């Protein structure tokens, strides 16, 4: 996908919330009109996004490649200042990496601990420790109180070979109060295990007998 033709659509209406564009969110907010003055804009965006998908899918299959131009023309007409910003990117433009995408977004509003943890977990599972470290650093910057993200950062740093940094992060994480959240308790316990292991690895060795 790195050099595929792409269309970037950014929703610029500040009244929109993530749940407004989900089926579950609409099932609740639509009949009860919970979004108040933003209701009309929310409904319009919900419809528009689904129309984008409906138009895109049939026109970009192998049997309908002649329709690519029609979709590009239609999507360009969606651009409305303050509502949608549309950008078409040709095959020659490489797609941004995860970290680059994080840096261009309003991270405080978009990325919660659980979402960042999922991204980091995927990178760790794939053995991509440099990407995992970069995402975890963003996470810890946004949520410095989260042992979950700090434990992941520890694992990512250790994976890159940055033992001293991993140990410092593990110690900071292990010293946090776990509270009643079982996931946080596990993260703090893992950090303690990281400390015990990394401390032995980092300890200076005495002279051989």
C-alpha atoms as a PDB file:
ATOM      1  CA  UNK A   1       0.000   0.000   0.000  1.00  0.00           C
ATOM      2  CA  UNK A   2       3.015   2.315   0.325  1.00  0.00           C
ATOM      3  CA  UNK A   3       2.691   3.625  -3.220  1.00  0.00           C
ATOM      4  CA  UNK A   4      -1.020   3.131  -3.871  1.00  0.00           C
ATOM      5  CA  UNK A   5      -3.177   5.988  -5.042  1.00  0.00           C
ATOM      6  CA  UNK A   6      -4.933   7.374  -1.976  1.00  0.00           C
ATOM      7  CA  UNK A   7      -7.584   9.875  -0.977  1.00  0.00           C
ATOM      8  CA  UNK A   8      -7.289  11.668   2.356  1.00  0.00           C
ATOM      9  CA  UNK A   9     -10.472  13.100   3.837  1.00  0.00           C
ATOM     10  CA  UNK A  10     -10.177  15.118   7.048  1.00  0.00           C
ATOM     11  CA  UNK A  11     -13.304  15.967   9.033  1.00  0.00           C
ATOM     12  CA  UNK A  12     -12.868  19.540  10.227  1.00  0.00           C
ATOM     13  CA  UNK A  13     -16.169  20.125  12.006  1.00  0.00           C
ATOM     14  CA  UNK A  14     -15.212  20.514  15.668  1.00  0.00           C
ATOM     15  CA  UNK A  15     -18.705  19.510  16.787  1.00  0.00           C
ATOM     16  CA  UNK A  16     -18.203  15.929  15.570  1.00  0.00           C
ATOM     17  CA  UNK A  17     -17.248  13.208  18.029  1.00  0.00           C
ATOM     18  CA  UNK A  18     -15.957   9.715  17.313  1.00  0.00           C
ATOM     19  CA  UNK A  19     -19.154   8.009  18.439  1.00  0.00           C
ATOM     20  CA  UNK A  20     -21.227  10.174  16.081  1.00  0.00           C
ATOM     21  CA  UNK A  21     -19.879   8.231  13.114  1.00  0.00           C
ATOM     22  CA  UNK A  22     -20.454   4.728  14.493  1.00  0.00           C
ATOM     23  CA  UNK A  23     -23.563   2.631  14.065  1.00  0.00           C
ATOM     24  CA  UNK A  24     -23.919   2.249  17.833  1.00  0.00           C
ATOM     25  CA  UNK A  25     -23.541   5.969  18.438  1.00  0.00           C
ATOM     26  CA  UNK A  26     -26.134   6.829  15.819  1.00  0.00           C
ATOM     27  CA  UNK A  27     -28.564   4.267  17.227  1.00  0.00           C
ATOM     28  CA  UNK A  28     -28.514   6.213  20.488  1.00  0.00           C
ATOM     29  CA  UNK A  29     -28.021   9.842  19.476  1.00  0.00           C
ATOM     30  CA  UNK A  30     -30.344   9.884  16.428  1.00  0.00           C
ATOM     31  CA  UNK A  31     -33.714   8.980  18.010  1.00  0.00           C
ATOM     32  CA  UNK A  32     -32.980  10.873  21.219  1.00  0.00           C
ATOM     33  CA  UNK A  33     -31.406  13.912  19.542  1.00  0.00           C
ATOM     34  CA  UNK A  34     -28.640  13.917  22.144  1.00  0.00           C
ATOM     35  CA  UNK A  35     -26.264  16.020  20.033  1.00  0.00           C
ATOM     36  CA  UNK A  36     -28.457  19.109  20.275  1.00  0.00           C
ATOM     37  CA  UNK A  37     -27.466  21.931  17.906  1.00  0.00           C
ATOM     38  CA  UNK A  38     -24.869  19.706  16.235  1.00  0.00           C
ATOM     39  CA  UNK A  39     -27.474  17.095  15.274  1.00  0.00           C
ATOM     40  CA  UNK A  40     -27.864  18.163  11.642  1.00  0.00           C
ATOM     41  CA  UNK A  41     -24.101  18.327  11.025  1.00  0.00           C
ATOM     42  CA  UNK A  42     -23.616  14.933  12.680  1.00  0.00           C
ATOM     43  CA  UNK A  43     -26.310  13.329  10.521  1.00  0.00           C
ATOM     44  CA  UNK A  44     -24.876  14.885   7.344  1.00  0.00           C
ATOM     45  CA  UNK A  45     -21.363  13.630   8.102  1.00  0.00           C
ATOM     46  CA  UNK A  46     -22.661  10.153   8.915  1.00  0.00           C
ATOM     47  CA  UNK A  47     -24.438   9.951   5.559  1.00  0.00           C
ATOM     48  CA  UNK A  48     -21.548  11.469   3.599  1.00  0.00           C
ATOM     49  CA  UNK A  49     -18.950   9.063   4.978  1.00  0.00           C
ATOM     50  CA  UNK A  50     -21.057   6.053   4.135  1.00  0.00           C
ATOM     51  CA  UNK A  51     -21.644   7.404   0.636  1.00  0.00           C
ATOM     52  CA  UNK A  52     -17.867   7.753   0.245  1.00  0.00           C
ATOM     53  CA  UNK A  53     -17.464   4.080   1.068  1.00  0.00           C
ATOM     54  CA  UNK A  54     -20.331   2.979  -1.163  1.00  0.00           C
ATOM     55  CA  UNK A  55     -18.957   4.948  -4.117  1.00  0.00           C
ATOM     56  CA  UNK A  56     -15.328   3.964  -3.522  1.00  0.00           C
ATOM     57  CA  UNK A  57     -15.681   0.190  -3.242  1.00  0.00           C
ATOM     58  CA  UNK A  58     -17.348  -0.683  -6.575  1.00  0.00           C
ATOM     59  CA  UNK A  59     -15.336   1.893  -8.505  1.00  0.00           C
ATOM     60  CA  UNK A  60     -11.957   0.589  -7.324  1.00  0.00           C
ATOM     61  CA  UNK A  61     -12.401  -3.120  -7.972  1.00  0.00           C
ATOM     62  CA  UNK A  62     -10.617  -4.919 -10.820  1.00  0.00           C
ATOM     63  CA  UNK A  63     -13.797  -5.033 -12.889  1.00  0.00           C
ATOM     64  CA  UNK A  64     -14.561  -1.317 -12.550  1.00  0.00           C
ATOM     65  CA  UNK A  65     -11.212   0.455 -12.885  1.00  0.00           C
ATOM     66  CA  UNK A  66     -12.712   2.790 -15.455  1.00  0.00           C
ATOM     67  CA  UNK A  67     -14.696   4.331 -12.616  1.00  0.00           C
ATOM     68  CA  UNK A  68     -11.632   5.630 -10.744  1.00  0.00           C
ATOM     69  CA  UNK A  69     -11.879   9.008 -12.407  1.00  0.00           C
ATOM     70  CA  UNK A  70     -15.552   9.361 -11.543  1.00  0.00           C
ATOM     71  CA  UNK A  71     -14.863   8.776  -7.867  1.00  0.00           C
ATOM     72  CA  UNK A  72     -11.917  11.186  -7.861  1.00  0.00           C
ATOM     73  CA  UNK A  73     -14.096  13.893  -9.386  1.00  0.00           C
ATOM     74  CA  UNK A  74     -16.910  13.273  -6.918  1.00  0.00           C
ATOM     75  CA  UNK A  75     -14.676  13.202  -3.841  1.00  0.00           C
ATOM     76  CA  UNK A  76     -12.938  16.424  -4.900  1.00  0.00           C
ATOM     77  CA  UNK A  77     -16.342  18.102  -4.909  1.00  0.00           C
ATOM     78  CA  UNK A  78     -16.816  17.119  -1.251  1.00  0.00           C
ATOM     79  CA  UNK A  79     -14.192  19.622  -0.127  1.00  0.00           C
ATOM     80  CA  UNK A  80     -15.850  22.303   1.980  1.00  0.00           C
ATOM     81  CA  UNK A  81     -13.887  24.677   4.246  1.00  0.00           C
ATOM     82  CA  UNK A  82     -14.616  23.881   7.865  1.00  0.00           C
ATOM     83  CA  UNK A  83     -16.365  20.619   7.002  1.00  0.00           C
ATOM     84  CA  UNK A  84     -14.155  18.363   4.852  1.00  0.00           C
ATOM     85  CA  UNK A  85     -10.616  18.770   3.603  1.00  0.00           C
ATOM     86  CA  UNK A  86      -9.868  16.456   0.675  1.00  0.00           C
ATOM     87  CA  UNK A  87      -6.468  15.552  -0.720  1.00  0.00           C
ATOM     88  CA  UNK A  88      -5.706  13.077  -3.509  1.00  0.00           C
ATOM     89  CA  UNK A  89      -2.292  11.435  -3.384  1.00  0.00           C
ATOM     90  CA  UNK A  90      -0.830   9.728  -6.472  1.00  0.00           C
ATOM     91  CA  UNK A  91       1.090   6.468  -6.458  1.00  0.00           C
ATOM     92  CA  UNK A  92       4.412   8.314  -6.470  1.00  0.00           C
ATOM     93  CA  UNK A  93       3.731   9.769  -3.007  1.00  0.00           C
ATOM     94  CA  UNK A  94       4.741   7.352  -0.220  1.00  0.00           C
ATOM     95  CA  UNK A  95       2.206   6.798   2.524  1.00  0.00           C
ATOM     96  CA  UNK A  96       3.154   8.217   5.946  1.00  0.00           C
ATOM     97  CA  UNK A  97       4.229   5.852   8.685  1.00  0.00           C
ATOM     98  CA  UNK A  98       2.328   5.452  11.941  1.00  0.00           C
ATOM     99  CA  UNK A  99       4.579   7.818  13.855  1.00  0.00           C
ATOM    100  CA  UNK A 100       4.333  10.518  11.208  1.00  0.00           C
ATOM    101  CA  UNK A 101       0.546  10.227  11.293  1.00  0.00           C
ATOM    102  CA  UNK A 102       0.511  10.602  15.074  1.00  0.00           C
ATOM    103  CA  UNK A 103       2.587  13.753  14.826  1.00  0.00           C
ATOM    104  CA  UNK A 104       0.146  15.430  12.425  1.00  0.00           C
ATOM    105  CA  UNK A 105      -2.983  14.801  14.513  1.00  0.00           C
ATOM    106  CA  UNK A 106      -4.488  16.455  17.547  1.00  0.00           C
ATOM    107  CA  UNK A 107      -3.131  13.622  19.664  1.00  0.00           C
ATOM    108  CA  UNK A 108      -4.684  14.751  22.951  1.00  0.00           C
ATOM    109  CA  UNK A 109      -8.181  14.521  21.477  1.00  0.00           C
ATOM    110  CA  UNK A 110      -7.740  11.401  19.373  1.00  0.00           C
ATOM    111  CA  UNK A 111      -5.529   8.926  21.188  1.00  0.00           C
ATOM    112  CA  UNK A 112      -6.628   7.317  24.407  1.00  0.00           C
ATOM    113  CA  UNK A 113      -4.469   4.920  26.396  1.00  0.00           C
ATOM    114  CA  UNK A 114      -6.209   1.807  25.074  1.00  0.00           C
ATOM    115  CA  UNK A 115      -5.781   2.858  21.432  1.00  0.00           C
ATOM    116  CA  UNK A 116      -2.110   3.713  21.823  1.00  0.00           C
ATOM    117  CA  UNK A 117      -1.530   0.455  23.683  1.00  0.00           C
ATOM    118  CA  UNK A 118      -3.060  -1.509  20.793  1.00  0.00           C
ATOM    119  CA  UNK A 119      -0.809   0.217  18.249  1.00  0.00           C
ATOM    120  CA  UNK A 120       2.275  -0.417  20.347  1.00  0.00           C
ATOM    121  CA  UNK A 121       1.292  -4.050  20.945  1.00  0.00           C
ATOM    122  CA  UNK A 122       1.019  -4.660  17.198  1.00  0.00           C
ATOM    123  CA  UNK A 123       4.462  -3.193  16.598  1.00  0.00           C
ATOM    124  CA  UNK A 124       5.951  -5.236  19.449  1.00  0.00           C
ATOM    125  CA  UNK A 125       4.325  -8.423  18.171  1.00  0.00           C
ATOM    126  CA  UNK A 126       5.792  -7.759  14.726  1.00  0.00           C
ATOM    127  CA  UNK A 127       9.267  -7.229  16.208  1.00  0.00           C
ATOM    128  CA  UNK A 128       9.307  -3.635  14.947  1.00  0.00           C
ATOM    129  CA  UNK A 129      10.861  -2.229  18.103  1.00  0.00           C
ATOM    130  CA  UNK A 130      11.813   1.154  16.666  1.00  0.00           C
ATOM    131  CA  UNK A 131       8.196   1.874  15.680  1.00  0.00           C
ATOM    132  CA  UNK A 132       6.966   0.497  19.001  1.00  0.00           C
ATOM    133  CA  UNK A 133       9.367   2.804  20.835  1.00  0.00           C
ATOM    134  CA  UNK A 134       8.248   5.846  18.846  1.00  0.00           C
ATOM    135  CA  UNK A 135       4.547   5.159  19.460  1.00  0.00           C
ATOM    136  CA  UNK A 136       5.130   4.376  23.139  1.00  0.00           C
ATOM    137  CA  UNK A 137       7.035   7.639  23.536  1.00  0.00           C
ATOM    138  CA  UNK A 138       4.047   9.525  22.130  1.00  0.00           C
ATOM    139  CA  UNK A 139       1.817   7.599  24.506  1.00  0.00           C
ATOM    140  CA  UNK A 140       3.912   8.339  27.586  1.00  0.00           C
ATOM    141  CA  UNK A 141       4.143  11.987  26.555  1.00  0.00           C
ATOM    142  CA  UNK A 142       0.342  12.199  26.434  1.00  0.00           C
ATOM    143  CA  UNK A 143      -0.362   9.903  29.399  1.00  0.00           C
ATOM    144  CA  UNK A 144       2.670   9.978  31.727  1.00  0.00           C
ATOM    145  CA  UNK A 145       0.581   8.439  34.504  1.00  0.00           C
ATOM    146  CA  UNK A 146      -0.098   5.225  32.571  1.00  0.00           C
ATOM    147  CA  UNK A 147       1.917   2.174  33.720  1.00  0.00           C
ATOM    148  CA  UNK A 148       0.518   0.254  30.743  1.00  0.00           C
ATOM    149  CA  UNK A 149       2.181   2.557  28.218  1.00  0.00           C
ATOM    150  CA  UNK A 150       5.359   2.821  30.285  1.00  0.00           C
ATOM    151  CA  UNK A 151       5.665  -0.965  30.453  1.00  0.00           C
ATOM    152  CA  UNK A 152       5.294  -1.150  26.678  1.00  0.00           C
ATOM    153  CA  UNK A 153       7.907   1.563  26.269  1.00  0.00           C
ATOM    154  CA  UNK A 154      10.229  -0.466  28.493  1.00  0.00           C
ATOM    155  CA  UNK A 155       9.756  -3.566  26.340  1.00  0.00           C
ATOM    156  CA  UNK A 156      10.253  -1.569  23.153  1.00  0.00           C
ATOM    157  CA  UNK A 157      13.442   0.081  24.414  1.00  0.00           C
ATOM    158  CA  UNK A 158      14.796  -3.258  25.542  1.00  0.00           C
ATOM    159  CA  UNK A 159      14.042  -4.638  22.096  1.00  0.00           C
ATOM    160  CA  UNK A 160      16.148  -1.910  20.480  1.00  0.00           C
ATOM    161  CA  UNK A 161      19.047  -2.673  22.827  1.00  0.00           C
ATOM    162  CA  UNK A 162      18.687   0.544  24.852  1.00  0.00           C
ATOM    163  CA  UNK A 163      19.064  -1.300  28.160  1.00  0.00           C
ATOM    164  CA  UNK A 164      19.857   1.705  30.359  1.00  0.00           C
ATOM    165  CA  UNK A 165      16.855   3.662  29.090  1.00  0.00           C
ATOM    166  CA  UNK A 166      14.632   0.608  29.446  1.00  0.00           C
ATOM    167  CA  UNK A 167      15.747   0.167  33.058  1.00  0.00           C
ATOM    168  CA  UNK A 168      15.031   3.816  33.885  1.00  0.00           C
ATOM    169  CA  UNK A 169      11.562   3.545  32.344  1.00  0.00           C
ATOM    170  CA  UNK A 170      10.876   0.261  34.141  1.00  0.00           C
ATOM    171  CA  UNK A 171      11.828   1.790  37.500  1.00  0.00           C
ATOM    172  CA  UNK A 172       9.525   4.749  36.924  1.00  0.00           C
ATOM    173  CA  UNK A 173       6.699   2.375  36.016  1.00  0.00           C
ATOM    174  CA  UNK A 174       7.323  -0.054  38.904  1.00  0.00           C
ATOM    175  CA  UNK A 175       7.090   2.808  41.410  1.00  0.00           C
ATOM    176  CA  UNK A 176       3.564   3.741  40.337  1.00  0.00           C
ATOM    177  CA  UNK A 177       0.512   2.888  42.424  1.00  0.00           C
ATOM    178  CA  UNK A 178      -1.500   0.203  40.601  1.00  0.00           C
ATOM    179  CA  UNK A 179      -4.893   1.080  42.066  1.00  0.00           C
ATOM    180  CA  UNK A 180      -7.806  -1.277  41.405  1.00  0.00           C
ATOM    181  CA  UNK A 181      -7.414  -1.700  37.628  1.00  0.00           C
ATOM    182  CA  UNK A 182      -6.267  -5.262  36.926  1.00  0.00           C
ATOM    183  CA  UNK A 183      -4.561  -4.271  33.665  1.00  0.00           C
ATOM    184  CA  UNK A 184      -2.595  -1.590  35.467  1.00  0.00           C
ATOM    185  CA  UNK A 185      -1.662  -4.076  38.200  1.00  0.00           C
ATOM    186  CA  UNK A 186      -0.286  -6.451  35.575  1.00  0.00           C
ATOM    187  CA  UNK A 187       1.678  -3.630  33.924  1.00  0.00           C
ATOM    188  CA  UNK A 188       3.259  -2.594  37.231  1.00  0.00           C
ATOM    189  CA  UNK A 189       4.139  -6.206  38.015  1.00  0.00           C
ATOM    190  CA  UNK A 190       5.734  -6.615  34.612  1.00  0.00           C
ATOM    191  CA  UNK A 191       7.705  -3.438  35.150  1.00  0.00           C
ATOM    192  CA  UNK A 192       9.025  -4.862  38.416  1.00  0.00           C
ATOM    193  CA  UNK A 193      10.074  -7.992  36.530  1.00  0.00           C
ATOM    194  CA  UNK A 194      11.779  -5.789  33.932  1.00  0.00           C
ATOM    195  CA  UNK A 195      13.667  -4.003  36.700  1.00  0.00           C
ATOM    196  CA  UNK A 196      14.890  -7.239  38.273  1.00  0.00           C
ATOM    197  CA  UNK A 197      16.072  -8.630  34.962  1.00  0.00           C
ATOM    198  CA  UNK A 198      17.548  -5.447  33.491  1.00  0.00           C
ATOM    199  CA  UNK A 199      19.313  -4.531  36.727  1.00  0.00           C
ATOM    200  CA  UNK A 200      21.204  -7.815  36.579  1.00  0.00           C
ATOM    201  CA  UNK A 201      22.055  -7.251  32.917  1.00  0.00           C
ATOM    202  CA  UNK A 202      23.220  -3.684  33.511  1.00  0.00           C
ATOM    203  CA  UNK A 203      25.163  -4.371  36.730  1.00  0.00           C
ATOM    204  CA  UNK A 204      28.942  -3.972  36.278  1.00  0.00           C
ATOM    205  CA  UNK A 205      30.737  -7.293  36.394  1.00  0.00           C
ATOM    206  CA  UNK A 206      33.499  -7.874  38.909  1.00  0.00           C
ATOM    207  CA  UNK A 207      36.961  -9.074  37.974  1.00  0.00           C
ATOM    208  CA  UNK A 208      37.128 -12.709  36.974  1.00  0.00           C
ATOM    209  CA  UNK A 209      38.910 -14.942  39.540  1.00  0.00           C
END
